[in-house]
PDB file of N, CA and C in Angstrom:
ATOM      1  N   MET A   1      -4.503   8.832  17.994  1.00  0.00           N
ATOM      2  CA  MET A   1      -3.141   9.148  18.040  1.00  0.00           C
ATOM      3  C   MET A   1      -2.546   9.132  16.687  1.00  0.00           C
ATOM      4  N   THR A   2      -1.658   9.681  16.444  1.00  0.00           N
ATOM      5  CA  THR A   2      -1.082   9.760  15.104  1.00  0.00           C
ATOM      6  C   THR A   2       0.047   8.835  15.002  1.00  0.00           C
ATOM      7  N   GLU A   3       0.210   7.918  14.070  1.00  0.00           N
ATOM      8  CA  GLU A   3       1.312   7.066  13.856  1.00  0.00           C
ATOM      9  C   GLU A   3       2.525   7.726  13.614  1.00  0.00           C
ATOM     10  N   ARG A   4       3.559   7.112  14.060  1.00  0.00           N
ATOM     11  CA  ARG A   4       4.852   7.757  13.810  1.00  0.00           C
ATOM     12  C   ARG A   4       5.327   7.651  12.596  1.00  0.00           C
ATOM     13  N   ARG A   5       5.911   8.508  11.836  1.00  0.00           N
ATOM     14  CA  ARG A   5       6.667   8.304  10.736  1.00  0.00           C
ATOM     15  C   ARG A   5       7.766   7.247  10.632  1.00  0.00           C
ATOM     16  N   LEU A   6       7.357   6.250   9.686  1.00  0.00           N
ATOM     17  CA  LEU A   6       8.505   5.318   9.489  1.00  0.00           C
ATOM     18  C   LEU A   6       9.432   5.597   8.353  1.00  0.00           C
ATOM     19  N   GLY A   7      10.648   5.219   8.399  1.00  0.00           N
ATOM     20  CA  GLY A   7      11.485   5.138   7.124  1.00  0.00           C
ATOM     21  C   GLY A   7      10.982   4.278   6.057  1.00  0.00           C
ATOM     22  N   LYS A   8      11.580   4.220   4.979  1.00  0.00           N
ATOM     23  CA  LYS A   8      11.086   3.365   3.934  1.00  0.00           C
ATOM     24  C   LYS A   8      11.330   1.805   4.280  1.00  0.00           C
ATOM     25  N   ASP A   9      12.476   1.370   4.749  1.00  0.00           N
ATOM     26  CA  ASP A   9      12.574  -0.207   5.418  1.00  0.00           C
ATOM     27  C   ASP A   9      11.658  -0.414   6.299  1.00  0.00           C
ATOM     28  N   GLN A  10      11.499   0.402   7.211  1.00  0.00           N
ATOM     29  CA  GLN A  10      10.635   0.270   8.574  1.00  0.00           C
ATOM     30  C   GLN A  10       9.327  -0.105   7.775  1.00  0.00           C
ATOM     31  N   ALA A  11       8.763   0.894   6.990  1.00  0.00           N
ATOM     32  CA  ALA A  11       7.634   1.028   6.321  1.00  0.00           C
ATOM     33  C   ALA A  11       7.243  -0.395   5.748  1.00  0.00           C
ATOM     34  N   LYS A  12       8.416  -1.020   5.095  1.00  0.00           N
ATOM     35  CA  LYS A  12       8.323  -2.065   4.202  1.00  0.00           C
ATOM     36  C   LYS A  12       8.078  -3.516   5.050  1.00  0.00           C
ATOM     37  N   ALA A  13       8.888  -3.259   6.066  1.00  0.00           N
ATOM     38  CA  ALA A  13       8.981  -4.527   7.041  1.00  0.00           C
ATOM     39  C   ALA A  13       7.580  -4.556   7.831  1.00  0.00           C
ATOM     40  N   LYS A  14       7.064  -3.413   8.454  1.00  0.00           N
ATOM     41  CA  LYS A  14       5.572  -3.254   8.940  1.00  0.00           C
ATOM     42  C   LYS A  14       4.640  -4.102   8.078  1.00  0.00           C
ATOM     43  N   LEU A  15       4.750  -3.499   6.846  1.00  0.00           N
ATOM     44  CA  LEU A  15       3.847  -3.830   5.757  1.00  0.00           C
ATOM     45  C   LEU A  15       3.767  -5.487   5.849  1.00  0.00           C
ATOM     46  N   ASN A  16       5.010  -5.906   5.638  1.00  0.00           N
ATOM     47  CA  ASN A  16       5.062  -7.439   5.402  1.00  0.00           C
ATOM     48  C   ASN A  16       4.541  -8.054   6.731  1.00  0.00           C
ATOM     49  N   ARG A  17       4.674  -7.702   7.960  1.00  0.00           N
ATOM     50  CA  ARG A  17       4.291  -8.299   9.036  1.00  0.00           C
ATOM     51  C   ARG A  17       2.764  -8.183   9.111  1.00  0.00           C
ATOM     52  N   CYS A  18       2.283  -7.035   8.470  1.00  0.00           N
ATOM     53  CA  CYS A  18       0.607  -6.869   8.618  1.00  0.00           C
ATOM     54  C   CYS A  18       0.100  -8.000   7.763  1.00  0.00           C
ATOM     55  N   ILE A  19       0.703  -8.312   6.513  1.00  0.00           N
ATOM     56  CA  ILE A  19       0.276  -9.245   5.614  1.00  0.00           C
ATOM     57  C   ILE A  19       0.513 -10.617   6.095  1.00  0.00           C
ATOM     58  N   GLU A  20       1.428 -10.946   6.786  1.00  0.00           N
ATOM     59  CA  GLU A  20       1.610 -12.334   7.427  1.00  0.00           C
ATOM     60  C   GLU A  20       0.523 -12.580   8.541  1.00  0.00           C
ATOM     61  N   ASN A  21       0.288 -11.526   9.238  1.00  0.00           N
ATOM     62  CA  ASN A  21      -0.571 -11.789  10.285  1.00  0.00           C
ATOM     63  C   ASN A  21      -2.236 -11.484   9.807  1.00  0.00           C
ATOM     64  N   GLY A  22      -2.369 -11.264   8.612  1.00  0.00           N
ATOM     65  CA  GLY A  22      -3.791 -11.185   8.166  1.00  0.00           C
ATOM     66  C   GLY A  22      -4.248  -9.736   8.637  1.00  0.00           C
ATOM     67  N   ARG A  23      -3.538  -8.692   8.799  1.00  0.00           N
ATOM     68  CA  ARG A  23      -3.801  -7.583   9.397  1.00  0.00           C
ATOM     69  C   ARG A  23      -3.817  -6.452   8.098  1.00  0.00           C
ATOM     70  N   VAL A  24      -4.558  -6.785   7.005  1.00  0.00           N
ATOM     71  CA  VAL A  24      -4.673  -5.686   5.910  1.00  0.00           C
ATOM     72  C   VAL A  24      -6.006  -5.630   5.431  1.00  0.00           C
ATOM     73  N   ARG A  25      -6.327  -4.334   5.335  1.00  0.00           N
ATOM     74  CA  ARG A  25      -7.707  -3.891   5.051  1.00  0.00           C
ATOM     75  C   ARG A  25      -7.747  -3.091   3.696  1.00  0.00           C
ATOM     76  N   PHE A  26      -8.451  -3.338   2.862  1.00  0.00           N
ATOM     77  CA  PHE A  26      -8.656  -2.549   1.555  1.00  0.00           C
ATOM     78  C   PHE A  26      -9.805  -1.636   1.648  1.00  0.00           C
ATOM     79  N   SER A  27      -9.673  -0.092   1.478  1.00  0.00           N
ATOM     80  CA  SER A  27     -10.545   0.614   1.551  1.00  0.00           C
ATOM     81  C   SER A  27     -11.478   0.416   0.386  1.00  0.00           C
ATOM     82  N   SER A  28     -12.821   1.171   0.646  1.00  0.00           N
ATOM     83  CA  SER A  28     -13.658   0.972  -0.535  1.00  0.00           C
ATOM     84  C   SER A  28     -13.080   1.668  -1.940  1.00  0.00           C
ATOM     85  N   HIS A  29     -12.361   2.784  -1.575  1.00  0.00           N
ATOM     86  CA  HIS A  29     -11.681   3.410  -2.774  1.00  0.00           C
ATOM     87  C   HIS A  29     -10.884   2.429  -3.542  1.00  0.00           C
ATOM     88  N   SER A  30      -9.863   1.948  -2.740  1.00  0.00           N
ATOM     89  CA  SER A  30      -8.830   1.076  -3.336  1.00  0.00           C
ATOM     90  C   SER A  30      -9.581  -0.031  -4.108  1.00  0.00           C
ATOM     91  N   ARG A  31     -10.688  -0.583  -3.683  1.00  0.00           N
ATOM     92  CA  ARG A  31     -11.299  -1.650  -4.381  1.00  0.00           C
ATOM     93  C   ARG A  31     -11.983  -1.187  -5.682  1.00  0.00           C
ATOM     94  N   GLU A  32     -12.379   0.005  -5.582  1.00  0.00           N
ATOM     95  CA  GLU A  32     -12.900   0.590  -6.895  1.00  0.00           C
ATOM     96  C   GLU A  32     -12.005   0.959  -7.831  1.00  0.00           C
ATOM     97  N   GLU A  33     -10.623   1.405  -7.628  1.00  0.00           N
ATOM     98  CA  GLU A  33      -9.689   1.625  -8.299  1.00  0.00           C
ATOM     99  C   GLU A  33      -9.136   0.320  -8.861  1.00  0.00           C
ATOM    100  N   LEU A  34      -9.031  -0.795  -8.127  1.00  0.00           N
ATOM    101  CA  LEU A  34      -8.571  -1.923  -8.492  1.00  0.00           C
ATOM    102  C   LEU A  34      -9.635  -2.274  -9.682  1.00  0.00           C
ATOM    103  N   GLU A  35     -10.806  -2.442  -9.496  1.00  0.00           N
ATOM    104  CA  GLU A  35     -11.670  -2.826 -10.605  1.00  0.00           C
ATOM    105  C   GLU A  35     -11.547  -2.162 -11.871  1.00  0.00           C
ATOM    106  N   ILE A  36     -11.412  -0.701 -11.736  1.00  0.00           N
ATOM    107  CA  ILE A  36     -11.108   0.352 -12.950  1.00  0.00           C
ATOM    108  C   ILE A  36     -10.128  -0.255 -13.765  1.00  0.00           C
ATOM    109  N   ASP A  37      -8.855  -0.482 -13.157  1.00  0.00           N
ATOM    110  CA  ASP A  37      -7.843  -0.799 -13.689  1.00  0.00           C
ATOM    111  C   ASP A  37      -7.640  -2.595 -14.049  1.00  0.00           C
ATOM    112  N   LYS A  38      -8.980  -3.257 -13.816  1.00  0.00           N
ATOM    113  CA  LYS A  38      -8.881  -4.597 -13.943  1.00  0.00           C
ATOM    114  C   LYS A  38      -7.713  -5.456 -13.301  1.00  0.00           C
ATOM    115  N   LEU A  39      -7.665  -4.735 -11.916  1.00  0.00           N
ATOM    116  CA  LEU A  39      -6.570  -5.474 -10.991  1.00  0.00           C
ATOM    117  C   LEU A  39      -7.272  -6.034  -9.957  1.00  0.00           C
ATOM    118  N   THR A  40      -6.811  -7.069  -9.007  1.00  0.00           N
ATOM    119  CA  THR A  40      -7.470  -7.594  -8.073  1.00  0.00           C
ATOM    120  C   THR A  40      -6.725  -7.377  -6.656  1.00  0.00           C
ATOM    121  N   THR A  41      -7.336  -7.789  -5.622  1.00  0.00           N
ATOM    122  CA  THR A  41      -6.707  -7.627  -4.137  1.00  0.00           C
ATOM    123  C   THR A  41      -5.394  -8.566  -4.382  1.00  0.00           C
ATOM    124  N   ASP A  42      -5.451  -9.771  -4.724  1.00  0.00           N
ATOM    125  CA  ASP A  42      -4.214 -10.598  -4.938  1.00  0.00           C
ATOM    126  C   ASP A  42      -3.056  -9.880  -5.616  1.00  0.00           C
ATOM    127  N   ASP A  43      -3.330  -9.078  -6.883  1.00  0.00           N
ATOM    128  CA  ASP A  43      -2.488  -8.144  -7.358  1.00  0.00           C
ATOM    129  C   ASP A  43      -1.731  -7.261  -6.520  1.00  0.00           C
ATOM    130  N   ALA A  44      -2.619  -6.717  -5.487  1.00  0.00           N
ATOM    131  CA  ALA A  44      -2.309  -5.650  -4.795  1.00  0.00           C
ATOM    132  C   ALA A  44      -1.352  -6.109  -3.598  1.00  0.00           C
ATOM    133  N   LEU A  45      -1.671  -7.271  -3.061  1.00  0.00           N
ATOM    134  CA  LEU A  45      -0.965  -8.002  -2.029  1.00  0.00           C
ATOM    135  C   LEU A  45       0.415  -8.464  -2.646  1.00  0.00           C
ATOM    136  N   THR A  46       0.526  -8.981  -3.927  1.00  0.00           N
ATOM    137  CA  THR A  46       1.643  -9.252  -4.418  1.00  0.00           C
ATOM    138  C   THR A  46       2.694  -8.258  -4.565  1.00  0.00           C
ATOM    139  N   VAL A  47       2.024  -7.083  -5.060  1.00  0.00           N
ATOM    140  CA  VAL A  47       2.996  -5.901  -5.159  1.00  0.00           C
ATOM    141  C   VAL A  47       3.612  -5.503  -3.729  1.00  0.00           C
ATOM    142  N   CYS A  48       2.518  -5.770  -2.650  1.00  0.00           N
ATOM    143  CA  CYS A  48       3.030  -5.127  -1.129  1.00  0.00           C
ATOM    144  C   CYS A  48       4.099  -6.190  -0.619  1.00  0.00           C
ATOM    145  N   ARG A  49       3.971  -7.287  -1.160  1.00  0.00           N
ATOM    146  CA  ARG A  49       5.018  -8.418  -0.657  1.00  0.00           C
ATOM    147  C   ARG A  49       6.422  -8.273  -1.416  1.00  0.00           C
ATOM    148  N   SER A  50       6.360  -7.896  -2.630  1.00  0.00           N
ATOM    149  CA  SER A  50       7.554  -7.968  -3.429  1.00  0.00           C
ATOM    150  C   SER A  50       8.106  -6.593  -3.967  1.00  0.00           C
ATOM    151  N   GLY A  51       7.234  -5.637  -3.701  1.00  0.00           N
ATOM    152  CA  GLY A  51       7.710  -4.346  -4.444  1.00  0.00           C
ATOM    153  C   GLY A  51       8.492  -3.561  -3.417  1.00  0.00           C
ATOM    154  N   SER A  52       8.857  -2.478  -3.837  1.00  0.00           N
ATOM    155  CA  SER A  52       9.618  -1.533  -3.254  1.00  0.00           C
ATOM    156  C   SER A  52       9.031  -0.115  -2.940  1.00  0.00           C
ATOM    157  N   ILE A  53       9.408   0.433  -1.781  1.00  0.00           N
ATOM    158  CA  ILE A  53       9.136   1.940  -1.452  1.00  0.00           C
ATOM    159  C   ILE A  53      10.284   2.691  -1.889  1.00  0.00           C
ATOM    160  N   HIS A  54      10.003   3.537  -2.855  1.00  0.00           N
ATOM    161  CA  HIS A  54      11.227   4.308  -3.422  1.00  0.00           C
ATOM    162  C   HIS A  54      10.965   5.958  -2.864  1.00  0.00           C
ATOM    163  N   MET A  55       9.741   6.357  -2.476  1.00  0.00           N
ATOM    164  CA  MET A  55       9.674   7.583  -1.791  1.00  0.00           C
ATOM    165  C   MET A  55       9.661   7.590  -0.439  1.00  0.00           C
ATOM    166  N   GLU A  56       9.800   9.036   0.054  1.00  0.00           N
ATOM    167  CA  GLU A  56       9.527   9.136   1.574  1.00  0.00           C
ATOM    168  C   GLU A  56       8.067   9.097   1.578  1.00  0.00           C
ATOM    169  N   PRO A  57       7.489   8.835   2.888  1.00  0.00           N
ATOM    170  CA  PRO A  57       6.183   8.980   3.050  1.00  0.00           C
ATOM    171  C   PRO A  57       5.688  10.519   2.831  1.00  0.00           C
ATOM    172  N   ASP A  58       4.172  10.482   2.516  1.00  0.00           N
ATOM    173  CA  ASP A  58       3.580  11.813   2.547  1.00  0.00           C
ATOM    174  C   ASP A  58       2.868  11.986   3.749  1.00  0.00           C
ATOM    175  N   TRP A  59       2.769  13.366   4.336  1.00  0.00           N
ATOM    176  CA  TRP A  59       1.988  13.740   5.231  1.00  0.00           C
ATOM    177  C   TRP A  59       0.435  14.264   4.747  1.00  0.00           C
ATOM    178  N   ASP A  60      -0.396  13.560   5.123  1.00  0.00           N
ATOM    179  CA  ASP A  60      -1.834  14.062   4.744  1.00  0.00           C
ATOM    180  C   ASP A  60      -2.223  14.749   5.902  1.00  0.00           C
ATOM    181  N   ILE A  61      -2.272  16.052   5.353  1.00  0.00           N
ATOM    182  CA  ILE A  61      -2.772  17.267   6.442  1.00  0.00           C
ATOM    183  C   ILE A  61      -4.136  17.018   6.757  1.00  0.00           C
ATOM    184  N   GLY A  62      -4.974  16.568   5.985  1.00  0.00           N
ATOM    185  CA  GLY A  62      -6.521  16.537   6.139  1.00  0.00           C
ATOM    186  C   GLY A  62      -6.925  15.466   7.126  1.00  0.00           C
ATOM    187  N   ARG A  63      -5.864  14.567   7.208  1.00  0.00           N
ATOM    188  CA  ARG A  63      -6.286  13.391   7.861  1.00  0.00           C
ATOM    189  C   ARG A  63      -5.121  13.208   9.249  1.00  0.00           C
ATOM    190  N   SER A  64      -4.246  14.042   8.894  1.00  0.00           N
ATOM    191  CA  SER A  64      -3.003  14.063  10.005  1.00  0.00           C
ATOM    192  C   SER A  64      -2.562  12.560  10.149  1.00  0.00           C
ATOM    193  N   GLU A  65      -2.092  12.021   8.902  1.00  0.00           N
ATOM    194  CA  GLU A  65      -1.408  10.751   9.114  1.00  0.00           C
ATOM    195  C   GLU A  65      -0.330  10.684   7.896  1.00  0.00           C
ATOM    196  N   TRP A  66       0.456   9.713   8.111  1.00  0.00           N
ATOM    197  CA  TRP A  66       1.601   9.260   6.903  1.00  0.00           C
ATOM    198  C   TRP A  66       0.874   8.141   6.133  1.00  0.00           C
ATOM    199  N   THR A  67       1.235   8.490   4.808  1.00  0.00           N
ATOM    200  CA  THR A  67       0.769   7.514   3.803  1.00  0.00           C
ATOM    201  C   THR A  67       1.998   7.242   3.065  1.00  0.00           C
ATOM    202  N   TYR A  68       2.342   5.990   2.678  1.00  0.00           N
ATOM    203  CA  TYR A  68       3.431   5.339   1.858  1.00  0.00           C
ATOM    204  C   TYR A  68       2.992   4.633   0.506  1.00  0.00           C
ATOM    205  N   ARG A  69       3.903   4.889  -0.332  1.00  0.00           N
ATOM    206  CA  ARG A  69       3.614   4.093  -1.612  1.00  0.00           C
ATOM    207  C   ARG A  69       4.547   3.142  -2.022  1.00  0.00           C
ATOM    208  N   ILE A  70       4.002   2.003  -2.319  1.00  0.00           N
ATOM    209  CA  ILE A  70       4.755   0.815  -2.717  1.00  0.00           C
ATOM    210  C   ILE A  70       4.696   0.575  -4.202  1.00  0.00           C
ATOM    211  N   GLU A  71       5.606   0.180  -5.028  1.00  0.00           N
ATOM    212  CA  GLU A  71       5.688  -0.161  -6.383  1.00  0.00           C
ATOM    213  C   GLU A  71       6.229  -1.506  -6.824  1.00  0.00           C
ATOM    214  N   GLY A  72       5.571  -2.103  -7.774  1.00  0.00           N
ATOM    215  CA  GLY A  72       6.146  -3.291  -8.130  1.00  0.00           C
ATOM    216  C   GLY A  72       5.326  -3.911  -9.218  1.00  0.00           C
ATOM    217  N   LEU A  73       5.652  -5.283  -9.364  1.00  0.00           N
ATOM    218  CA  LEU A  73       5.029  -5.943 -10.427  1.00  0.00           C
ATOM    219  C   LEU A  73       3.943  -7.018  -9.887  1.00  0.00           C
ATOM    220  N   THR A  74       2.757  -7.324 -10.705  1.00  0.00           N
ATOM    221  CA  THR A  74       1.995  -8.340 -10.378  1.00  0.00           C
ATOM    222  C   THR A  74       2.438  -9.430 -10.835  1.00  0.00           C
ATOM    223  N   ALA A  75       1.711 -10.681 -10.769  1.00  0.00           N
ATOM    224  CA  ALA A  75       2.318 -11.804 -11.241  1.00  0.00           C
ATOM    225  C   ALA A  75       2.154 -11.878 -12.912  1.00  0.00           C
ATOM    226  N   ASP A  76       1.374 -11.151 -13.185  1.00  0.00           N
ATOM    227  CA  ASP A  76       1.364 -11.184 -14.809  1.00  0.00           C
ATOM    228  C   ASP A  76       2.215  -9.968 -15.392  1.00  0.00           C
ATOM    229  N   ARG A  77       3.046  -9.257 -14.493  1.00  0.00           N
ATOM    230  CA  ARG A  77       4.251  -8.461 -14.836  1.00  0.00           C
ATOM    231  C   ARG A  77       3.543  -7.088 -15.426  1.00  0.00           C
ATOM    232  N   ARG A  78       2.354  -6.677 -14.525  1.00  0.00           N
ATOM    233  CA  ARG A  78       1.891  -5.279 -14.767  1.00  0.00           C
ATOM    234  C   ARG A  78       2.491  -4.416 -13.752  1.00  0.00           C
ATOM    235  N   ARG A  79       2.895  -3.229 -14.089  1.00  0.00           N
ATOM    236  CA  ARG A  79       3.420  -2.287 -12.956  1.00  0.00           C
ATOM    237  C   ARG A  79       2.083  -1.660 -12.287  1.00  0.00           C
ATOM    238  N   MET A  80       2.399  -1.657 -10.952  1.00  0.00           N
ATOM    239  CA  MET A  80       1.398  -1.135 -10.201  1.00  0.00           C
ATOM    240  C   MET A  80       1.896  -0.352  -9.092  1.00  0.00           C
ATOM    241  N   ALA A  81       1.094   0.435  -8.371  1.00  0.00           N
ATOM    242  CA  ALA A  81       1.342   1.173  -7.218  1.00  0.00           C
ATOM    243  C   ALA A  81       0.451   0.947  -6.081  1.00  0.00           C
ATOM    244  N   VAL A  82       0.766   0.911  -4.872  1.00  0.00           N
ATOM    245  CA  VAL A  82      -0.437   0.759  -3.810  1.00  0.00           C
ATOM    246  C   VAL A  82      -0.205   1.818  -2.915  1.00  0.00           C
ATOM    247  N   GLN A  83      -1.019   2.659  -2.485  1.00  0.00           N
ATOM    248  CA  GLN A  83      -0.807   3.731  -1.412  1.00  0.00           C
ATOM    249  C   GLN A  83      -1.612   3.069  -0.325  1.00  0.00           C
ATOM    250  N   PHE A  84      -0.740   3.360   0.892  1.00  0.00           N
ATOM    251  CA  PHE A  84      -1.339   2.645   2.058  1.00  0.00           C
ATOM    252  C   PHE A  84      -0.759   3.369   3.378  1.00  0.00           C
ATOM    253  N   LYS A  85      -1.418   3.189   4.578  1.00  0.00           N
ATOM    254  CA  LYS A  85      -1.275   3.699   5.680  1.00  0.00           C
ATOM    255  C   LYS A  85      -1.218   2.666   6.776  1.00  0.00           C
ATOM    256  N   PHE A  86      -0.717   3.059   7.918  1.00  0.00           N
ATOM    257  CA  PHE A  86      -0.947   2.072   9.101  1.00  0.00           C
ATOM    258  C   PHE A  86      -1.790   2.678  10.093  1.00  0.00           C
ATOM    259  N   LYS A  87      -2.591   1.684  10.660  1.00  0.00           N
ATOM    260  CA  LYS A  87      -3.547   2.161  11.920  1.00  0.00           C
ATOM    261  C   LYS A  87      -3.095   1.011  13.031  1.00  0.00           C
ATOM    262  N   ALA A  88      -2.450   1.373  13.831  1.00  0.00           N
ATOM    263  CA  ALA A  88      -2.079   0.453  15.175  1.00  0.00           C
ATOM    264  C   ALA A  88      -1.249  -0.580  14.438  1.00  0.00           C
ATOM    265  N   ASP A  89      -1.626  -1.893  14.594  1.00  0.00           N
ATOM    266  CA  ASP A  89      -0.862  -2.916  13.834  1.00  0.00           C
ATOM    267  C   ASP A  89      -1.437  -3.504  12.568  1.00  0.00           C
ATOM    268  N   SER A  90      -2.358  -2.748  11.881  1.00  0.00           N
ATOM    269  CA  SER A  90      -3.079  -2.885  10.562  1.00  0.00           C
ATOM    270  C   SER A  90      -2.383  -2.258   9.441  1.00  0.00           C
ATOM    271  N   ALA A  91      -2.324  -2.609   8.419  1.00  0.00           N
ATOM    272  CA  ALA A  91      -2.123  -1.880   7.017  1.00  0.00           C
ATOM    273  C   ALA A  91      -3.402  -1.604   6.548  1.00  0.00           C
ATOM    274  N   ILE A  92      -3.752  -0.449   6.041  1.00  0.00           N
ATOM    275  CA  ILE A  92      -4.983  -0.076   5.258  1.00  0.00           C
ATOM    276  C   ILE A  92      -4.497   0.246   3.850  1.00  0.00           C
ATOM    277  N   LEU A  93      -4.926  -0.436   2.687  1.00  0.00           N
ATOM    278  CA  LEU A  93      -4.584   0.050   1.474  1.00  0.00           C
ATOM    279  C   LEU A  93      -5.697   1.094   0.954  1.00  0.00           C
ATOM    280  N   ILE A  94      -5.313   2.432   0.625  1.00  0.00           N
ATOM    281  CA  ILE A  94      -5.867   3.443   0.384  1.00  0.00           C
ATOM    282  C   ILE A  94      -6.413   3.531  -1.153  1.00  0.00           C
ATOM    283  N   THR A  95      -5.405   3.297  -1.805  1.00  0.00           N
ATOM    284  CA  THR A  95      -5.675   3.290  -3.305  1.00  0.00           C
ATOM    285  C   THR A  95      -4.564   2.292  -4.133  1.00  0.00           C
ATOM    286  N   ALA A  96      -5.118   1.969  -5.252  1.00  0.00           N
ATOM    287  CA  ALA A  96      -3.931   1.175  -6.003  1.00  0.00           C
ATOM    288  C   ALA A  96      -4.232   1.587  -7.380  1.00  0.00           C
ATOM    289  N   PHE A  97      -3.106   1.356  -8.409  1.00  0.00           N
ATOM    290  CA  PHE A  97      -3.394   1.744  -9.738  1.00  0.00           C
ATOM    291  C   PHE A  97      -2.290   1.108 -10.338  1.00  0.00           C
ATOM    292  N   GLU A  98      -2.549   0.931 -11.849  1.00  0.00           N
ATOM    293  CA  GLU A  98      -1.630   0.328 -12.576  1.00  0.00           C
ATOM    294  C   GLU A  98      -0.797   1.486 -12.992  1.00  0.00           C
ATOM    295  N   ARG A  99       0.503   1.367 -13.021  1.00  0.00           N
ATOM    296  CA  ARG A  99       1.532   2.382 -13.738  1.00  0.00           C
ATOM    297  C   ARG A  99       1.692   2.190 -15.092  1.00  0.00           C
ATOM    298  N   THR A 100       1.359   3.295 -15.983  1.00  0.00           N
ATOM    299  CA  THR A 100       1.631   3.151 -17.167  1.00  0.00           C
ATOM    300  C   THR A 100       2.974   3.663 -17.727  1.00  0.00           C
ATOM    301  N   THR A 101       3.441   4.604 -16.919  1.00  0.00           N
ATOM    302  CA  THR A 101       4.823   5.177 -17.292  1.00  0.00           C
ATOM    303  C   THR A 101       5.851   4.935 -15.976  1.00  0.00           C
TER     304      THR A 101
END
């Protein structure tokens, strides 16, 4: 079943609930990307907690699901973006990367 499209504020609130309830998973791709940029899962969670969703969600045609991007600062003030999706009451972090621009 396809998750319904959430607005930016709804997605942020649901992401925070997932974090509070320990319902966040990191894809293997997101872990690889974090390692490449010398970032950690803690950095990603910091951005997920304190960052902002500026763009409307993207529809992934191949997977038939909505994806969201949150951006913010890590604890050491690095700009970072995290792409995520929801599956039931869990958030899955798809990819993460340092924003250089």
